[in-house]
Amino acid sequence: MVLFCSWSQLPVSMPQMIEPETVLMTQPTSRPRIIAIANQKGGVGKTTTAVNLATALAANEMRVLLVDIDAQGNASTGLDIDKDSEKPTVYDLLAAEMTATDAIVRTIVPGLDLIPASMHLAGAELELLEADNREYRLSESLKSIGDTYDYVLIDCPPALGLLTLNALCAADSVLVPLQCEFYALEGLSHLVRTIERIRQNLNPSLEIQGVVLTMFDRRNNLSDMVASDVREHFGDKVYETVIPRNVRISEAPSYGKPVLLYDWRCAGSKAYIHLAGEILKREREHRA
C-alpha cells in the first residue's frame, strides 16, 4: 500500500499507503463523514486510535477534524493542546453557547484540526440531564462546519453516558477499538446492543464502521484466540489490520505527538497507516 503524503516534516522515503485516485474517490462531496470512536471499556486504545487514525487520514490529504469529548482530554494533550486553557472547548458546544467553528484549533499535524476537551466535561452529564434536545447538542453544533472537512472523528469517553450518546447521535458510523483480552467480546456485545437501540430510537443512519483489534501481542496465544473469536462473531466488520503492542505508541503522547510524527518507522505507525488505508478503501466501496 502507498501513502499519498505531502508533509514536509516527514522523510520523502516514507512508505506510501494509498493511490492518489483512491483518495480522490473517497472524499465526501457535501458533508463530512462523522465517525465516533467508542468503547465503554477503558484502556482499549480508543484515544490512541483516534489521534493516530486522524493523523494517518490527514497524511492522505484528507481534511480531518478530531473532536475530543472525553473529560480526561487525552486526545487534546496527545496533540500538544492545553485542555485547561480558557479557549472554547467541546463543553461550550454541548452547553449550546457556540458552534463548532468557534472552538476549532489547529494542531501540529498538517490538515488535522481539533475541538479540545475541557475539565468541565466531568459535570456535563448532570448538566445535560434536564436540557432540551440533550442528545443532539453535538450534532446540531457540528452542522456549522459544512463541507470544510472530509472526516470528523469523535473520541468518546469510556462510558455509555450522555456524552457518548451525543457522539453516537451525531455520527454516521462507529469505529470500535477492541483490546485483545478475555472480556473483550462481552463488552463489545453490550456496545452493539446500545448502537442498535440508538439506531431504532435516535439515529436511524448509525452503523458499525468496523472493529479494530488493539494491543495485539503475537507472543501471547490469548491474543490469537480473542482475534479468532471476534472475527467469527463479526466477520468482515473486523479490520484485517491489527494494532500491536508497541512501546513507541506508548511514548508518543508524553511528547505531545501522534506516533506517526514521533517515529513513523515503528510497527505502531505502520499499523495505523494500514488501518487508514483499509478504512478509506471501505469508504470508497461504500460510496460506490
C-alpha atoms as a PDB file:
ATOM      1  CA  MET A   1       0.000   0.000   0.000  1.00  0.00           C
ATOM      2  CA  VAL A   2       1.166   3.560  -0.555  1.00  0.00           C
ATOM      3  CA  LEU A   3       0.981   6.785   1.375  1.00  0.00           C
ATOM      4  CA  PHE A   4      -0.084   9.853  -0.585  1.00  0.00           C
ATOM      5  CA  CYS A   5       1.666  12.344   1.652  1.00  0.00           C
ATOM      6  CA  SER A   6       2.969  15.873   1.149  1.00  0.00           C
ATOM      7  CA  TRP A   7       4.114  16.670   4.665  1.00  0.00           C
ATOM      8  CA  SER A   8       7.412  18.479   4.753  1.00  0.00           C
ATOM      9  CA  GLN A   9       8.021  17.103   8.264  1.00  0.00           C
ATOM     10  CA  LEU A  10       8.234  13.530   7.057  1.00  0.00           C
ATOM     11  CA  PRO A  11      11.013  11.928   5.034  1.00  0.00           C
ATOM     12  CA  VAL A  12      10.331  11.640   1.311  1.00  0.00           C
ATOM     13  CA  SER A  13      11.111   7.929   1.613  1.00  0.00           C
ATOM     14  CA  MET A  14       8.156   7.328   3.929  1.00  0.00           C
ATOM     15  CA  PRO A  15       6.262   4.325   2.539  1.00  0.00           C
ATOM     16  CA  GLN A  16       3.135   5.271   0.655  1.00  0.00           C
ATOM     17  CA  MET A  17      -0.247   3.925   1.645  1.00  0.00           C
ATOM     18  CA  ILE A  18      -2.987   4.819  -0.820  1.00  0.00           C
ATOM     19  CA  GLU A  19      -3.055   5.568  -4.508  1.00  0.00           C
ATOM     20  CA  PRO A  20      -3.953   9.208  -5.308  1.00  0.00           C
ATOM     21  CA  GLU A  21      -7.062   8.182  -7.263  1.00  0.00           C
ATOM     22  CA  THR A  22      -8.321   6.304  -4.193  1.00  0.00           C
ATOM     23  CA  VAL A  23      -8.012   9.459  -2.125  1.00  0.00           C
ATOM     24  CA  LEU A  24      -9.980  11.482  -4.648  1.00  0.00           C
ATOM     25  CA  MET A  25     -12.737   8.904  -4.845  1.00  0.00           C
ATOM     26  CA  THR A  26     -13.161   8.730  -1.082  1.00  0.00           C
ATOM     27  CA  GLN A  27     -13.547  12.451  -0.467  1.00  0.00           C
ATOM     28  CA  PRO A  28     -17.094  13.382   0.573  1.00  0.00           C
ATOM     29  CA  THR A  29     -18.713  15.963  -1.704  1.00  0.00           C
ATOM     30  CA  SER A  30     -21.192  17.790   0.530  1.00  0.00           C
ATOM     31  CA  ARG A  31     -20.679  16.961   4.205  1.00  0.00           C
ATOM     32  CA  PRO A  32     -18.029  15.191   6.263  1.00  0.00           C
ATOM     33  CA  ARG A  33     -18.212  11.560   7.201  1.00  0.00           C
ATOM     34  CA  ILE A  34     -18.584  11.533  11.001  1.00  0.00           C
ATOM     35  CA  ILE A  35     -17.093   8.551  12.826  1.00  0.00           C
ATOM     36  CA  ALA A  36     -17.435   8.048  16.585  1.00  0.00           C
ATOM     37  CA  ILE A  37     -14.590   6.059  18.135  1.00  0.00           C
ATOM     38  CA  ALA A  38     -16.241   4.364  21.069  1.00  0.00           C
ATOM     39  CA  ASN A  39     -15.958   1.571  23.579  1.00  0.00           C
ATOM     40  CA  GLN A  40     -17.459   1.707  27.069  1.00  0.00           C
ATOM     41  CA  LYS A  41     -14.418  -0.124  28.398  1.00  0.00           C
ATOM     42  CA  GLY A  42     -11.377   1.970  29.271  1.00  0.00           C
ATOM     43  CA  GLY A  43      -7.786   1.192  28.362  1.00  0.00           C
ATOM     44  CA  VAL A  44      -8.529  -0.346  24.961  1.00  0.00           C
ATOM     45  CA  GLY A  45      -6.538   2.124  22.849  1.00  0.00           C
ATOM     46  CA  LYS A  46      -9.510   4.303  21.939  1.00  0.00           C
ATOM     47  CA  THR A  47      -7.815   7.695  22.193  1.00  0.00           C
ATOM     48  CA  THR A  48      -4.589   6.339  20.709  1.00  0.00           C
ATOM     49  CA  THR A  49      -6.602   5.109  17.740  1.00  0.00           C
ATOM     50  CA  ALA A  50      -8.466   8.419  17.423  1.00  0.00           C
ATOM     51  CA  VAL A  51      -5.285  10.515  17.372  1.00  0.00           C
ATOM     52  CA  ASN A  52      -3.223   8.285  15.110  1.00  0.00           C
ATOM     53  CA  LEU A  53      -6.005   7.380  12.703  1.00  0.00           C
ATOM     54  CA  ALA A  54      -6.815  11.093  12.326  1.00  0.00           C
ATOM     55  CA  THR A  55      -3.134  11.752  11.648  1.00  0.00           C
ATOM     56  CA  ALA A  56      -2.921   8.964   9.067  1.00  0.00           C
ATOM     57  CA  LEU A  57      -6.036  10.243   7.284  1.00  0.00           C
ATOM     58  CA  ALA A  58      -4.583  13.768   7.237  1.00  0.00           C
ATOM     59  CA  ALA A  59      -1.375  12.339   5.763  1.00  0.00           C
ATOM     60  CA  ASN A  60      -3.524  11.115   2.888  1.00  0.00           C
ATOM     61  CA  GLU A  61      -4.637  14.708   2.199  1.00  0.00           C
ATOM     62  CA  MET A  62      -7.971  14.232   3.929  1.00  0.00           C
ATOM     63  CA  ARG A  63      -9.239  17.285   5.794  1.00  0.00           C
ATOM     64  CA  VAL A  64      -9.804  15.941   9.294  1.00  0.00           C
ATOM     65  CA  LEU A  65     -11.416  17.327  12.440  1.00  0.00           C
ATOM     66  CA  LEU A  66     -10.927  15.464  15.730  1.00  0.00           C
ATOM     67  CA  VAL A  67     -13.477  16.167  18.481  1.00  0.00           C
ATOM     68  CA  ASP A  68     -12.299  15.313  21.999  1.00  0.00           C
ATOM     69  CA  ILE A  69     -15.433  14.655  24.032  1.00  0.00           C
ATOM     70  CA  ASP A  70     -13.667  12.754  26.839  1.00  0.00           C
ATOM     71  CA  ALA A  71     -13.274  14.712  30.083  1.00  0.00           C
ATOM     72  CA  GLN A  72      -9.788  13.258  30.520  1.00  0.00           C
ATOM     73  CA  GLY A  73      -8.744  15.229  27.441  1.00  0.00           C
ATOM     74  CA  ASN A  74      -6.061  12.757  26.383  1.00  0.00           C
ATOM     75  CA  ALA A  75      -6.621  13.341  22.677  1.00  0.00           C
ATOM     76  CA  SER A  76      -6.035  17.064  23.256  1.00  0.00           C
ATOM     77  CA  THR A  77      -2.796  16.597  25.192  1.00  0.00           C
ATOM     78  CA  GLY A  78      -1.709  13.943  22.698  1.00  0.00           C
ATOM     79  CA  LEU A  79      -1.755  16.678  20.066  1.00  0.00           C
ATOM     80  CA  ASP A  80       0.018  19.192  22.321  1.00  0.00           C
ATOM     81  CA  ILE A  81      -3.133  21.218  23.054  1.00  0.00           C
ATOM     82  CA  ASP A  82      -3.701  22.525  26.578  1.00  0.00           C
ATOM     83  CA  LYS A  83      -7.152  21.282  27.599  1.00  0.00           C
ATOM     84  CA  ASP A  84      -7.131  23.560  30.677  1.00  0.00           C
ATOM     85  CA  SER A  85      -6.819  26.817  28.741  1.00  0.00           C
ATOM     86  CA  GLU A  86      -9.575  29.429  28.637  1.00  0.00           C
ATOM     87  CA  LYS A  87     -10.214  28.937  24.933  1.00  0.00           C
ATOM     88  CA  PRO A  88     -13.561  27.492  23.735  1.00  0.00           C
ATOM     89  CA  THR A  89     -13.900  23.722  24.038  1.00  0.00           C
ATOM     90  CA  VAL A  90     -16.396  20.991  23.258  1.00  0.00           C
ATOM     91  CA  TYR A  91     -18.090  21.802  26.567  1.00  0.00           C
ATOM     92  CA  ASP A  92     -19.217  25.134  25.107  1.00  0.00           C
ATOM     93  CA  LEU A  93     -20.767  23.257  22.187  1.00  0.00           C
ATOM     94  CA  LEU A  94     -22.757  20.996  24.492  1.00  0.00           C
ATOM     95  CA  ALA A  95     -23.862  23.994  26.531  1.00  0.00           C
ATOM     96  CA  ALA A  96     -25.170  25.492  23.269  1.00  0.00           C
ATOM     97  CA  GLU A  97     -23.088  28.606  23.861  1.00  0.00           C
ATOM     98  CA  MET A  98     -21.312  28.474  20.478  1.00  0.00           C
ATOM     99  CA  THR A  99     -20.983  26.447  17.298  1.00  0.00           C
ATOM    100  CA  ALA A 100     -18.246  24.017  16.346  1.00  0.00           C
ATOM    101  CA  THR A 101     -16.452  26.509  14.125  1.00  0.00           C
ATOM    102  CA  ASP A 102     -15.871  28.784  17.139  1.00  0.00           C
ATOM    103  CA  ALA A 103     -13.937  26.113  19.055  1.00  0.00           C
ATOM    104  CA  ILE A 104     -11.669  24.675  16.348  1.00  0.00           C
ATOM    105  CA  VAL A 105      -7.910  24.923  16.894  1.00  0.00           C
ATOM    106  CA  ARG A 106      -5.023  23.974  14.619  1.00  0.00           C
ATOM    107  CA  THR A 107      -2.740  21.137  15.623  1.00  0.00           C
ATOM    108  CA  ILE A 108       0.874  20.233  14.884  1.00  0.00           C
ATOM    109  CA  VAL A 109      -0.402  17.850  12.197  1.00  0.00           C
ATOM    110  CA  PRO A 110      -0.994  19.498   8.802  1.00  0.00           C
ATOM    111  CA  GLY A 111      -4.599  19.011   7.742  1.00  0.00           C
ATOM    112  CA  LEU A 112      -5.767  17.959  11.213  1.00  0.00           C
ATOM    113  CA  ASP A 113      -7.784  20.323  13.415  1.00  0.00           C
ATOM    114  CA  LEU A 114      -9.155  19.726  16.893  1.00  0.00           C
ATOM    115  CA  ILE A 115     -12.021  20.742  19.119  1.00  0.00           C
ATOM    116  CA  PRO A 116     -10.378  20.215  22.525  1.00  0.00           C
ATOM    117  CA  ALA A 117     -11.855  18.733  25.665  1.00  0.00           C
ATOM    118  CA  SER A 118     -12.392  20.609  28.902  1.00  0.00           C
ATOM    119  CA  MET A 119     -12.269  19.703  32.575  1.00  0.00           C
ATOM    120  CA  HIS A 120     -15.864  20.990  32.716  1.00  0.00           C
ATOM    121  CA  LEU A 121     -16.969  17.914  30.770  1.00  0.00           C
ATOM    122  CA  ALA A 122     -16.786  15.976  34.042  1.00  0.00           C
ATOM    123  CA  GLY A 123     -20.013  17.694  35.127  1.00  0.00           C
ATOM    124  CA  ALA A 124     -21.610  17.941  31.713  1.00  0.00           C
ATOM    125  CA  GLU A 125     -23.546  14.683  32.126  1.00  0.00           C
ATOM    126  CA  LEU A 126     -25.500  16.125  35.059  1.00  0.00           C
ATOM    127  CA  GLU A 127     -25.997  19.499  33.392  1.00  0.00           C
ATOM    128  CA  LEU A 128     -27.459  17.886  30.283  1.00  0.00           C
ATOM    129  CA  LEU A 129     -29.994  15.756  32.160  1.00  0.00           C
ATOM    130  CA  GLU A 130     -32.651  18.478  32.141  1.00  0.00           C
ATOM    131  CA  ALA A 131     -31.554  20.183  28.917  1.00  0.00           C
ATOM    132  CA  ASP A 132     -33.738  20.406  25.827  1.00  0.00           C
ATOM    133  CA  ASN A 133     -32.635  18.339  22.840  1.00  0.00           C
ATOM    134  CA  ARG A 134     -29.901  16.938  25.068  1.00  0.00           C
ATOM    135  CA  GLU A 135     -28.946  14.017  22.785  1.00  0.00           C
ATOM    136  CA  TYR A 136     -28.407  16.245  19.753  1.00  0.00           C
ATOM    137  CA  ARG A 137     -26.349  19.136  21.141  1.00  0.00           C
ATOM    138  CA  LEU A 138     -23.148  17.969  19.435  1.00  0.00           C
ATOM    139  CA  SER A 139     -24.923  17.052  16.208  1.00  0.00           C
ATOM    140  CA  GLU A 140     -26.516  20.479  15.900  1.00  0.00           C
ATOM    141  CA  SER A 141     -23.237  22.245  16.606  1.00  0.00           C
ATOM    142  CA  LEU A 142     -21.266  20.253  14.021  1.00  0.00           C
ATOM    143  CA  LYS A 143     -23.637  21.387  11.266  1.00  0.00           C
ATOM    144  CA  SER A 144     -21.807  24.721  11.283  1.00  0.00           C
ATOM    145  CA  ILE A 145     -18.650  23.211   9.738  1.00  0.00           C
ATOM    146  CA  GLY A 146     -20.447  22.489   6.461  1.00  0.00           C
ATOM    147  CA  ASP A 147     -18.128  20.835   3.946  1.00  0.00           C
ATOM    148  CA  THR A 148     -14.918  22.157   5.488  1.00  0.00           C
ATOM    149  CA  TYR A 149     -13.737  18.645   6.390  1.00  0.00           C
ATOM    150  CA  ASP A 150     -13.755  15.229   4.770  1.00  0.00           C
ATOM    151  CA  TYR A 151     -13.810  13.339   8.068  1.00  0.00           C
ATOM    152  CA  VAL A 152     -14.815  14.167  11.629  1.00  0.00           C
ATOM    153  CA  LEU A 153     -13.583  11.706  14.272  1.00  0.00           C
ATOM    154  CA  ILE A 154     -15.100  11.867  17.757  1.00  0.00           C
ATOM    155  CA  ASP A 155     -13.073  10.456  20.648  1.00  0.00           C
ATOM    156  CA  CYS A 156     -15.681   9.250  23.157  1.00  0.00           C
ATOM    157  CA  PRO A 157     -15.293   8.713  26.908  1.00  0.00           C
ATOM    158  CA  PRO A 158     -15.076   5.150  28.259  1.00  0.00           C
ATOM    159  CA  ALA A 159     -18.761   5.048  29.260  1.00  0.00           C
ATOM    160  CA  LEU A 160     -22.169   4.935  27.594  1.00  0.00           C
ATOM    161  CA  GLY A 161     -23.479   8.152  29.144  1.00  0.00           C
ATOM    162  CA  LEU A 162     -24.852  11.353  27.638  1.00  0.00           C
ATOM    163  CA  LEU A 163     -21.502  12.438  26.213  1.00  0.00           C
ATOM    164  CA  THR A 164     -21.125   9.221  24.233  1.00  0.00           C
ATOM    165  CA  LEU A 165     -24.820   9.389  23.338  1.00  0.00           C
ATOM    166  CA  ASN A 166     -24.254  12.828  21.825  1.00  0.00           C
ATOM    167  CA  ALA A 167     -21.394  11.430  19.765  1.00  0.00           C
ATOM    168  CA  LEU A 168     -23.448   8.471  18.526  1.00  0.00           C
ATOM    169  CA  CYS A 169     -26.379  10.706  17.591  1.00  0.00           C
ATOM    170  CA  ALA A 170     -24.029  12.941  15.588  1.00  0.00           C
ATOM    171  CA  ALA A 171     -22.149  10.088  13.889  1.00  0.00           C
ATOM    172  CA  ASP A 172     -22.704   8.227  10.656  1.00  0.00           C
ATOM    173  CA  SER A 173     -20.836   5.226  11.995  1.00  0.00           C
ATOM    174  CA  VAL A 174     -18.963   3.800  14.978  1.00  0.00           C
ATOM    175  CA  LEU A 175     -15.393   2.528  14.985  1.00  0.00           C
ATOM    176  CA  VAL A 176     -14.762   0.178  17.911  1.00  0.00           C
ATOM    177  CA  PRO A 177     -11.203  -0.364  19.218  1.00  0.00           C
ATOM    178  CA  LEU A 178     -11.109  -3.735  20.945  1.00  0.00           C
ATOM    179  CA  GLN A 179      -8.287  -4.875  23.189  1.00  0.00           C
ATOM    180  CA  CYS A 180      -7.238  -8.488  22.705  1.00  0.00           C
ATOM    181  CA  GLU A 181      -8.223  -9.725  26.138  1.00  0.00           C
ATOM    182  CA  PHE A 182     -10.604 -12.231  27.733  1.00  0.00           C
ATOM    183  CA  TYR A 183     -13.577  -9.927  28.400  1.00  0.00           C
ATOM    184  CA  ALA A 184     -13.450  -8.205  25.019  1.00  0.00           C
ATOM    185  CA  LEU A 185     -16.444  -9.945  23.413  1.00  0.00           C
ATOM    186  CA  GLU A 186     -18.705  -9.379  26.410  1.00  0.00           C
ATOM    187  CA  GLY A 187     -18.152  -5.619  26.320  1.00  0.00           C
ATOM    188  CA  LEU A 188     -18.466  -5.490  22.547  1.00  0.00           C
ATOM    189  CA  SER A 189     -21.810  -7.295  22.611  1.00  0.00           C
ATOM    190  CA  HIS A 190     -23.144  -4.717  25.073  1.00  0.00           C
ATOM    191  CA  LEU A 191     -21.967  -1.862  22.851  1.00  0.00           C
ATOM    192  CA  VAL A 192     -23.577  -3.438  19.779  1.00  0.00           C
ATOM    193  CA  ARG A 193     -26.924  -3.648  21.603  1.00  0.00           C
ATOM    194  CA  THR A 194     -26.606   0.002  22.582  1.00  0.00           C
ATOM    195  CA  ILE A 195     -25.870   1.016  18.994  1.00  0.00           C
ATOM    196  CA  GLU A 196     -28.935  -0.923  17.835  1.00  0.00           C
ATOM    197  CA  ARG A 197     -31.169   0.878  20.354  1.00  0.00           C
ATOM    198  CA  ILE A 198     -29.798   4.249  19.265  1.00  0.00           C
ATOM    199  CA  ARG A 199     -30.401   3.341  15.627  1.00  0.00           C
ATOM    200  CA  GLN A 200     -34.005   2.422  16.400  1.00  0.00           C
ATOM    201  CA  ASN A 201     -34.824   5.457  18.516  1.00  0.00           C
ATOM    202  CA  LEU A 202     -32.449   8.346  17.884  1.00  0.00           C
ATOM    203  CA  ASN A 203     -30.201   7.975  14.821  1.00  0.00           C
ATOM    204  CA  PRO A 204     -31.543   5.627  12.105  1.00  0.00           C
ATOM    205  CA  SER A 205     -28.457   6.061   9.897  1.00  0.00           C
ATOM    206  CA  LEU A 206     -25.944   4.907  12.541  1.00  0.00           C
ATOM    207  CA  GLU A 207     -23.922   1.838  11.564  1.00  0.00           C
ATOM    208  CA  ILE A 208     -20.853  -0.016  12.756  1.00  0.00           C
ATOM    209  CA  GLN A 209     -17.892   1.215  10.733  1.00  0.00           C
ATOM    210  CA  GLY A 210     -15.728  -1.642  11.927  1.00  0.00           C
ATOM    211  CA  VAL A 211     -13.869  -3.252  14.794  1.00  0.00           C
ATOM    212  CA  VAL A 212     -10.117  -2.782  15.112  1.00  0.00           C
ATOM    213  CA  LEU A 213      -8.106  -5.136  17.320  1.00  0.00           C
ATOM    214  CA  THR A 214      -5.627  -3.263  19.535  1.00  0.00           C
ATOM    215  CA  MET A 215      -2.733  -4.165  21.847  1.00  0.00           C
ATOM    216  CA  PHE A 216      -2.187  -7.355  19.879  1.00  0.00           C
ATOM    217  CA  ASP A 217       0.729  -9.441  21.146  1.00  0.00           C
ATOM    218  CA  ARG A 218       1.804 -12.178  18.743  1.00  0.00           C
ATOM    219  CA  ARG A 219       3.741 -13.874  21.554  1.00  0.00           C
ATOM    220  CA  ASN A 220       0.522 -14.361  23.507  1.00  0.00           C
ATOM    221  CA  ASN A 221      -1.832 -17.158  22.496  1.00  0.00           C
ATOM    222  CA  LEU A 222      -4.713 -15.272  24.108  1.00  0.00           C
ATOM    223  CA  SER A 223      -4.425 -12.504  21.514  1.00  0.00           C
ATOM    224  CA  ASP A 224      -4.854 -15.027  18.728  1.00  0.00           C
ATOM    225  CA  MET A 225      -7.809 -16.650  20.492  1.00  0.00           C
ATOM    226  CA  VAL A 226      -9.600 -13.332  21.020  1.00  0.00           C
ATOM    227  CA  ALA A 227      -8.931 -12.263  17.443  1.00  0.00           C
ATOM    228  CA  SER A 228     -10.360 -15.527  16.128  1.00  0.00           C
ATOM    229  CA  ASP A 229     -13.466 -15.237  18.334  1.00  0.00           C
ATOM    230  CA  VAL A 230     -14.120 -11.642  17.286  1.00  0.00           C
ATOM    231  CA  ARG A 231     -13.712 -12.448  13.587  1.00  0.00           C
ATOM    232  CA  GLU A 232     -16.029 -15.446  13.984  1.00  0.00           C
ATOM    233  CA  HIS A 233     -18.764 -13.298  15.561  1.00  0.00           C
ATOM    234  CA  PHE A 234     -18.436 -10.138  13.460  1.00  0.00           C
ATOM    235  CA  GLY A 235     -16.955 -11.373  10.185  1.00  0.00           C
ATOM    236  CA  ASP A 236     -15.797  -8.707   7.760  1.00  0.00           C
ATOM    237  CA  LYS A 237     -16.714  -5.923  10.195  1.00  0.00           C
ATOM    238  CA  VAL A 238     -13.341  -6.672  11.807  1.00  0.00           C
ATOM    239  CA  TYR A 239     -10.453  -4.940  10.056  1.00  0.00           C
ATOM    240  CA  GLU A 240      -7.603  -7.060   8.789  1.00  0.00           C
ATOM    241  CA  THR A 241      -5.175  -4.563  10.307  1.00  0.00           C
ATOM    242  CA  VAL A 242      -4.322  -5.194  13.966  1.00  0.00           C
ATOM    243  CA  ILE A 243      -2.593  -2.644  16.191  1.00  0.00           C
ATOM    244  CA  PRO A 244       0.331  -4.282  18.029  1.00  0.00           C
ATOM    245  CA  ARG A 245       1.598  -3.615  21.499  1.00  0.00           C
ATOM    246  CA  ASN A 246       4.354  -1.138  20.786  1.00  0.00           C
ATOM    247  CA  VAL A 247       6.457   0.945  23.152  1.00  0.00           C
ATOM    248  CA  ARG A 248       6.700   3.836  20.675  1.00  0.00           C
ATOM    249  CA  ILE A 249       2.905   4.186  20.660  1.00  0.00           C
ATOM    250  CA  SER A 250       3.008   4.478  24.452  1.00  0.00           C
ATOM    251  CA  GLU A 251       5.843   7.027  24.437  1.00  0.00           C
ATOM    252  CA  ALA A 252       4.475   9.390  21.800  1.00  0.00           C
ATOM    253  CA  PRO A 253       1.734  11.124  23.898  1.00  0.00           C
ATOM    254  CA  SER A 254       4.278  12.224  26.505  1.00  0.00           C
ATOM    255  CA  TYR A 255       5.910  14.274  23.727  1.00  0.00           C
ATOM    256  CA  GLY A 256       2.572  15.722  22.596  1.00  0.00           C
ATOM    257  CA  LYS A 257       2.804  13.941  19.246  1.00  0.00           C
ATOM    258  CA  PRO A 258       0.997  11.202  17.350  1.00  0.00           C
ATOM    259  CA  VAL A 259       3.215   8.161  16.903  1.00  0.00           C
ATOM    260  CA  LEU A 260       3.362   8.876  13.150  1.00  0.00           C
ATOM    261  CA  LEU A 261       5.276  12.084  13.933  1.00  0.00           C
ATOM    262  CA  TYR A 262       7.204  10.619  16.843  1.00  0.00           C
ATOM    263  CA  ASP A 263       8.524   7.577  14.950  1.00  0.00           C
ATOM    264  CA  TRP A 264       6.907   6.830  11.602  1.00  0.00           C
ATOM    265  CA  ARG A 265       9.120   3.776  11.068  1.00  0.00           C
ATOM    266  CA  CYS A 266       7.888   1.820  14.120  1.00  0.00           C
ATOM    267  CA  ALA A 267       5.428  -1.059  13.948  1.00  0.00           C
ATOM    268  CA  GLY A 268       2.673   1.016  15.567  1.00  0.00           C
ATOM    269  CA  SER A 269       2.908   3.776  12.968  1.00  0.00           C
ATOM    270  CA  LYS A 270       2.828   1.275  10.120  1.00  0.00           C
ATOM    271  CA  ALA A 271      -0.248  -0.368  11.618  1.00  0.00           C
ATOM    272  CA  TYR A 272      -2.183   2.915  11.783  1.00  0.00           C
ATOM    273  CA  ILE A 273      -1.063   3.763   8.249  1.00  0.00           C
ATOM    274  CA  HIS A 274      -2.501   0.479   7.029  1.00  0.00           C
ATOM    275  CA  LEU A 275      -5.676   0.910   9.097  1.00  0.00           C
ATOM    276  CA  ALA A 276      -6.326   4.292   7.461  1.00  0.00           C
ATOM    277  CA  GLY A 277      -5.794   2.697   4.070  1.00  0.00           C
ATOM    278  CA  GLU A 278      -8.257  -0.066   4.868  1.00  0.00           C
ATOM    279  CA  ILE A 279     -10.859   2.419   6.107  1.00  0.00           C
ATOM    280  CA  LEU A 280     -10.547   4.595   3.004  1.00  0.00           C
ATOM    281  CA  LYS A 281     -10.846   1.542   0.797  1.00  0.00           C
ATOM    282  CA  ARG A 282     -14.074   0.550   2.547  1.00  0.00           C
ATOM    283  CA  GLU A 283     -15.332   4.110   2.265  1.00  0.00           C
ATOM    284  CA  ARG A 284     -14.686   4.074  -1.472  1.00  0.00           C
ATOM    285  CA  GLU A 285     -16.591   0.808  -1.849  1.00  0.00           C
ATOM    286  CA  HIS A 286     -19.421   2.117   0.339  1.00  0.00           C
ATOM    287  CA  ARG A 287     -19.820   5.234  -1.792  1.00  0.00           C
ATOM    288  CA  ALA A 288     -19.644   3.228  -4.999  1.00  0.00           C
END
